[in-house]
Amino acid sequence: MSNFVHSYTSESVHICVDIYTIAVPFNLFDIGNPQKEGIPEITLFGIIPSCLSVIYLNLYKEDKKWYWVTLFVILSLILEWLTTKVGLMKHWNTWWSFPIHFLAYAFYLPWHLKFIRKN
Protein backbone atom coordinates (compact mmCIF):
# COMPACT_ATOMS: atom_id res chain seq x y z
CA MET A 1 0.00 0.00 0.00
CA SER A 2 2.80 2.46 0.75
CA ASN A 3 4.24 1.94 -2.76
CA PHE A 4 0.89 2.93 -4.24
CA VAL A 5 0.59 5.99 -2.01
CA HIS A 6 4.16 7.05 -2.72
CA SER A 7 3.76 6.62 -6.49
CA TYR A 8 0.36 8.33 -6.47
CA THR A 9 1.73 11.27 -4.49
CA SER A 10 4.80 11.78 -6.66
CA GLU A 11 2.74 11.56 -9.86
CA SER A 12 0.19 14.06 -8.55
CA VAL A 13 2.94 16.50 -7.54
CA HIS A 14 4.59 16.06 -10.94
CA ILE A 15 1.32 16.84 -12.76
CA CYS A 16 0.59 19.91 -10.63
CA VAL A 17 4.08 21.28 -11.22
CA ASP A 18 3.69 20.79 -14.98
CA ILE A 19 0.30 22.43 -15.10
CA TYR A 20 1.04 25.47 -12.98
CA THR A 21 4.60 26.18 -14.11
CA ILE A 22 4.34 25.41 -17.82
CA ALA A 23 0.80 24.96 -19.13
CA VAL A 24 -1.09 27.78 -17.41
CA PRO A 25 1.37 30.67 -17.91
CA PHE A 26 1.92 29.84 -21.57
CA ASN A 27 -1.73 28.84 -22.23
CA LEU A 28 -0.58 25.61 -23.88
CA PHE A 29 -3.85 23.79 -23.46
CA ASP A 30 -7.31 24.18 -22.00
CA ILE A 31 -8.95 21.42 -20.04
CA GLY A 32 -12.74 21.26 -20.32
CA ASN A 33 -14.66 24.33 -19.22
CA PRO A 34 -12.29 26.86 -17.58
CA GLN A 35 -15.12 28.20 -15.37
CA LYS A 36 -15.66 24.91 -13.55
CA GLU A 37 -13.80 21.74 -12.68
CA GLY A 38 -15.31 18.34 -12.40
CA ILE A 39 -14.93 14.60 -12.63
CA PRO A 40 -13.17 14.62 -16.05
CA GLU A 41 -10.38 16.84 -14.75
CA ILE A 42 -9.96 14.81 -11.56
CA THR A 43 -9.84 11.62 -13.61
CA LEU A 44 -7.47 13.09 -16.19
CA PHE A 45 -5.00 14.52 -13.68
CA GLY A 46 -5.30 12.41 -10.58
CA ILE A 47 -6.44 8.93 -11.40
CA ILE A 48 -5.32 7.89 -14.89
CA PRO A 49 -1.61 8.87 -14.65
CA SER A 50 -1.31 7.38 -11.18
CA CYS A 51 -2.97 4.12 -12.24
CA LEU A 52 -0.73 3.87 -15.30
CA SER A 53 2.33 4.42 -13.13
CA VAL A 54 1.33 1.77 -10.60
CA ILE A 55 0.47 -0.77 -13.32
CA TYR A 56 3.77 -0.02 -15.09
CA LEU A 57 5.80 -0.42 -11.90
CA ASN A 58 4.09 -3.72 -11.07
CA LEU A 59 4.77 -5.13 -14.55
CA TYR A 60 8.26 -3.67 -14.94
CA LYS A 61 11.16 -6.10 -15.18
CA GLU A 62 14.68 -4.98 -16.07
CA ASP A 63 15.11 -7.65 -18.76
CA LYS A 64 11.97 -6.47 -20.63
CA LYS A 65 12.42 -2.77 -19.94
CA TRP A 66 12.13 -1.51 -23.53
CA TYR A 67 9.08 -3.64 -24.24
CA TRP A 68 7.22 -2.07 -21.31
CA VAL A 69 8.52 1.42 -22.08
CA THR A 70 7.30 1.17 -25.67
CA LEU A 71 3.95 -0.29 -24.68
CA PHE A 72 3.21 2.31 -22.01
CA VAL A 73 4.41 5.26 -24.08
CA ILE A 74 2.08 4.17 -26.88
CA LEU A 75 -0.77 3.60 -24.40
CA SER A 76 -0.23 7.03 -22.84
CA LEU A 77 -0.15 8.72 -26.24
CA ILE A 78 -3.36 6.96 -27.30
CA LEU A 79 -5.13 8.00 -24.10
CA GLU A 80 -3.92 11.58 -24.52
CA TRP A 81 -4.96 11.61 -28.17
CA LEU A 82 -8.44 10.43 -27.16
CA THR A 83 -8.77 13.29 -24.66
CA THR A 84 -8.00 15.77 -27.43
CA LYS A 85 -10.44 14.09 -29.83
CA VAL A 86 -13.35 14.21 -27.37
CA GLY A 87 -12.56 17.87 -26.68
CA LEU A 88 -11.38 17.55 -23.11
CA MET A 89 -7.94 18.94 -23.98
CA LYS A 90 -7.90 21.83 -26.42
CA HIS A 91 -4.99 23.51 -28.22
CA TRP A 92 -2.73 20.53 -27.56
CA ASN A 93 -0.62 18.38 -29.84
CA THR A 94 -0.19 14.86 -28.50
CA TRP A 95 3.33 14.57 -29.93
CA TRP A 96 4.53 17.30 -27.57
CA SER A 97 4.14 14.79 -24.73
CA PHE A 98 6.16 12.02 -26.34
CA PRO A 99 9.54 13.03 -24.81
CA ILE A 100 7.96 13.45 -21.36
CA HIS A 101 6.28 10.04 -21.49
CA PHE A 102 9.47 8.45 -22.76
CA LEU A 103 11.63 9.98 -20.02
CA ALA A 104 9.10 9.08 -17.33
CA TYR A 105 8.74 5.43 -18.36
CA ALA A 106 12.34 4.81 -19.40
CA PHE A 107 14.20 6.58 -16.60
CA TYR A 108 12.14 8.27 -13.88
CA LEU A 109 9.76 5.43 -12.94
CA PRO A 110 12.47 2.71 -12.91
CA TRP A 111 14.61 4.97 -10.70
CA HIS A 112 11.58 5.61 -8.49
CA LEU A 113 10.98 1.87 -8.16
CA LYS A 114 14.60 1.31 -7.08
CA PHE A 115 14.24 4.13 -4.57
CA ILE A 116 11.05 2.62 -3.13
CA ARG A 117 12.55 -0.87 -2.86
CA LYS A 118 15.73 0.45 -1.26
CA ASN A 119 13.78 2.12 1.55
C-alpha atoms as a PDB file:
ATOM      1  CA  MET A   1       0.000   0.000   0.000  1.00  0.00           C
ATOM      2  CA  SER A   2       2.800   2.457   0.754  1.00  0.00           C
ATOM      3  CA  ASN A   3       4.243   1.944  -2.757  1.00  0.00           C
ATOM      4  CA  PHE A   4       0.892   2.934  -4.238  1.00  0.00           C
ATOM      5  CA  VAL A   5       0.593   5.992  -2.005  1.00  0.00           C
ATOM      6  CA  HIS A   6       4.165   7.047  -2.722  1.00  0.00           C
ATOM      7  CA  SER A   7       3.760   6.619  -6.486  1.00  0.00           C
ATOM      8  CA  TYR A   8       0.360   8.335  -6.472  1.00  0.00           C
ATOM      9  CA  THR A   9       1.725  11.271  -4.490  1.00  0.00           C
ATOM     10  CA  SER A  10       4.797  11.781  -6.661  1.00  0.00           C
ATOM     11  CA  GLU A  11       2.740  11.556  -9.860  1.00  0.00           C
ATOM     12  CA  SER A  12       0.190  14.062  -8.552  1.00  0.00           C
ATOM     13  CA  VAL A  13       2.936  16.495  -7.541  1.00  0.00           C
ATOM     14  CA  HIS A  14       4.585  16.063 -10.942  1.00  0.00           C
ATOM     15  CA  ILE A  15       1.322  16.843 -12.758  1.00  0.00           C
ATOM     16  CA  CYS A  16       0.594  19.912 -10.630  1.00  0.00           C
ATOM     17  CA  VAL A  17       4.083  21.276 -11.225  1.00  0.00           C
ATOM     18  CA  ASP A  18       3.691  20.792 -14.978  1.00  0.00           C
ATOM     19  CA  ILE A  19       0.297  22.433 -15.099  1.00  0.00           C
ATOM     20  CA  TYR A  20       1.035  25.469 -12.981  1.00  0.00           C
ATOM     21  CA  THR A  21       4.595  26.175 -14.110  1.00  0.00           C
ATOM     22  CA  ILE A  22       4.336  25.414 -17.819  1.00  0.00           C
ATOM     23  CA  ALA A  23       0.796  24.959 -19.126  1.00  0.00           C
ATOM     24  CA  VAL A  24      -1.089  27.779 -17.407  1.00  0.00           C
ATOM     25  CA  PRO A  25       1.369  30.671 -17.906  1.00  0.00           C
ATOM     26  CA  PHE A  26       1.924  29.836 -21.574  1.00  0.00           C
ATOM     27  CA  ASN A  27      -1.726  28.837 -22.226  1.00  0.00           C
ATOM     28  CA  LEU A  28      -0.575  25.612 -23.881  1.00  0.00           C
ATOM     29  CA  PHE A  29      -3.850  23.795 -23.455  1.00  0.00           C
ATOM     30  CA  ASP A  30      -7.306  24.176 -22.002  1.00  0.00           C
ATOM     31  CA  ILE A  31      -8.945  21.415 -20.035  1.00  0.00           C
ATOM     32  CA  GLY A  32     -12.736  21.264 -20.318  1.00  0.00           C
ATOM     33  CA  ASN A  33     -14.657  24.334 -19.218  1.00  0.00           C
ATOM     34  CA  PRO A  34     -12.290  26.857 -17.578  1.00  0.00           C
ATOM     35  CA  GLN A  35     -15.115  28.200 -15.370  1.00  0.00           C
ATOM     36  CA  LYS A  36     -15.660  24.912 -13.550  1.00  0.00           C
ATOM     37  CA  GLU A  37     -13.797  21.743 -12.682  1.00  0.00           C
ATOM     38  CA  GLY A  38     -15.307  18.335 -12.396  1.00  0.00           C
ATOM     39  CA  ILE A  39     -14.932  14.598 -12.630  1.00  0.00           C
ATOM     40  CA  PRO A  40     -13.175  14.617 -16.049  1.00  0.00           C
ATOM     41  CA  GLU A  41     -10.382  16.840 -14.746  1.00  0.00           C
ATOM     42  CA  ILE A  42      -9.964  14.811 -11.561  1.00  0.00           C
ATOM     43  CA  THR A  43      -9.836  11.623 -13.609  1.00  0.00           C
ATOM     44  CA  LEU A  44      -7.474  13.087 -16.188  1.00  0.00           C
ATOM     45  CA  PHE A  45      -5.000  14.521 -13.685  1.00  0.00           C
ATOM     46  CA  GLY A  46      -5.301  12.410 -10.576  1.00  0.00           C
ATOM     47  CA  ILE A  47      -6.438   8.928 -11.401  1.00  0.00           C
ATOM     48  CA  ILE A  48      -5.325   7.890 -14.891  1.00  0.00           C
ATOM     49  CA  PRO A  49      -1.607   8.866 -14.650  1.00  0.00           C
ATOM     50  CA  SER A  50      -1.309   7.378 -11.182  1.00  0.00           C
ATOM     51  CA  CYS A  51      -2.970   4.122 -12.236  1.00  0.00           C
ATOM     52  CA  LEU A  52      -0.732   3.875 -15.300  1.00  0.00           C
ATOM     53  CA  SER A  53       2.328   4.422 -13.129  1.00  0.00           C
ATOM     54  CA  VAL A  54       1.329   1.770 -10.600  1.00  0.00           C
ATOM     55  CA  ILE A  55       0.475  -0.770 -13.317  1.00  0.00           C
ATOM     56  CA  TYR A  56       3.769  -0.020 -15.086  1.00  0.00           C
ATOM     57  CA  LEU A  57       5.797  -0.420 -11.899  1.00  0.00           C
ATOM     58  CA  ASN A  58       4.087  -3.716 -11.066  1.00  0.00           C
ATOM     59  CA  LEU A  59       4.773  -5.133 -14.548  1.00  0.00           C
ATOM     60  CA  TYR A  60       8.265  -3.671 -14.935  1.00  0.00           C
ATOM     61  CA  LYS A  61      11.163  -6.104 -15.182  1.00  0.00           C
ATOM     62  CA  GLU A  62      14.681  -4.983 -16.075  1.00  0.00           C
ATOM     63  CA  ASP A  63      15.115  -7.646 -18.761  1.00  0.00           C
ATOM     64  CA  LYS A  64      11.966  -6.467 -20.634  1.00  0.00           C
ATOM     65  CA  LYS A  65      12.420  -2.773 -19.938  1.00  0.00           C
ATOM     66  CA  TRP A  66      12.125  -1.514 -23.531  1.00  0.00           C
ATOM     67  CA  TYR A  67       9.082  -3.641 -24.244  1.00  0.00           C
ATOM     68  CA  TRP A  68       7.215  -2.073 -21.312  1.00  0.00           C
ATOM     69  CA  VAL A  69       8.518   1.422 -22.078  1.00  0.00           C
ATOM     70  CA  THR A  70       7.304   1.172 -25.672  1.00  0.00           C
ATOM     71  CA  LEU A  71       3.946  -0.288 -24.681  1.00  0.00           C
ATOM     72  CA  PHE A  72       3.205   2.306 -22.014  1.00  0.00           C
ATOM     73  CA  VAL A  73       4.408   5.264 -24.083  1.00  0.00           C
ATOM     74  CA  ILE A  74       2.078   4.170 -26.884  1.00  0.00           C
ATOM     75  CA  LEU A  75      -0.769   3.599 -24.403  1.00  0.00           C
ATOM     76  CA  SER A  76      -0.227   7.031 -22.841  1.00  0.00           C
ATOM     77  CA  LEU A  77      -0.147   8.725 -26.242  1.00  0.00           C
ATOM     78  CA  ILE A  78      -3.358   6.963 -27.298  1.00  0.00           C
ATOM     79  CA  LEU A  79      -5.126   8.004 -24.098  1.00  0.00           C
ATOM     80  CA  GLU A  80      -3.920  11.578 -24.521  1.00  0.00           C
ATOM     81  CA  TRP A  81      -4.958  11.610 -28.173  1.00  0.00           C
ATOM     82  CA  LEU A  82      -8.441  10.434 -27.157  1.00  0.00           C
ATOM     83  CA  THR A  83      -8.773  13.294 -24.658  1.00  0.00           C
ATOM     84  CA  THR A  84      -8.002  15.773 -27.429  1.00  0.00           C
ATOM     85  CA  LYS A  85     -10.444  14.087 -29.825  1.00  0.00           C
ATOM     86  CA  VAL A  86     -13.350  14.211 -27.370  1.00  0.00           C
ATOM     87  CA  GLY A  87     -12.562  17.869 -26.681  1.00  0.00           C
ATOM     88  CA  LEU A  88     -11.380  17.552 -23.111  1.00  0.00           C
ATOM     89  CA  MET A  89      -7.943  18.945 -23.978  1.00  0.00           C
ATOM     90  CA  LYS A  90      -7.904  21.831 -26.424  1.00  0.00           C
ATOM     91  CA  HIS A  91      -4.990  23.512 -28.216  1.00  0.00           C
ATOM     92  CA  TRP A  92      -2.731  20.534 -27.564  1.00  0.00           C
ATOM     93  CA  ASN A  93      -0.619  18.384 -29.837  1.00  0.00           C
ATOM     94  CA  THR A  94      -0.189  14.861 -28.505  1.00  0.00           C
ATOM     95  CA  TRP A  95       3.335  14.566 -29.930  1.00  0.00           C
ATOM     96  CA  TRP A  96       4.525  17.297 -27.568  1.00  0.00           C
ATOM     97  CA  SER A  97       4.137  14.790 -24.730  1.00  0.00           C
ATOM     98  CA  PHE A  98       6.157  12.020 -26.341  1.00  0.00           C
ATOM     99  CA  PRO A  99       9.537  13.034 -24.814  1.00  0.00           C
ATOM    100  CA  ILE A 100       7.961  13.446 -21.363  1.00  0.00           C
ATOM    101  CA  HIS A 101       6.276  10.039 -21.491  1.00  0.00           C
ATOM    102  CA  PHE A 102       9.474   8.447 -22.763  1.00  0.00           C
ATOM    103  CA  LEU A 103      11.626   9.976 -20.022  1.00  0.00           C
ATOM    104  CA  ALA A 104       9.096   9.076 -17.331  1.00  0.00           C
ATOM    105  CA  TYR A 105       8.737   5.429 -18.358  1.00  0.00           C
ATOM    106  CA  ALA A 106      12.344   4.808 -19.404  1.00  0.00           C
ATOM    107  CA  PHE A 107      14.202   6.577 -16.600  1.00  0.00           C
ATOM    108  CA  TYR A 108      12.138   8.265 -13.877  1.00  0.00           C
ATOM    109  CA  LEU A 109       9.764   5.431 -12.936  1.00  0.00           C
ATOM    110  CA  PRO A 110      12.474   2.715 -12.906  1.00  0.00           C
ATOM    111  CA  TRP A 111      14.606   4.967 -10.696  1.00  0.00           C
ATOM    112  CA  HIS A 112      11.580   5.610  -8.490  1.00  0.00           C
ATOM    113  CA  LEU A 113      10.982   1.865  -8.156  1.00  0.00           C
ATOM    114  CA  LYS A 114      14.596   1.306  -7.077  1.00  0.00           C
ATOM    115  CA  PHE A 115      14.238   4.132  -4.569  1.00  0.00           C
ATOM    116  CA  ILE A 116      11.047   2.621  -3.127  1.00  0.00           C
ATOM    117  CA  ARG A 117      12.549  -0.871  -2.862  1.00  0.00           C
ATOM    118  CA  LYS A 118      15.730   0.451  -1.261  1.00  0.00           C
ATOM    119  CA  ASN A 119      13.782   2.122   1.548  1.00  0.00           C
END
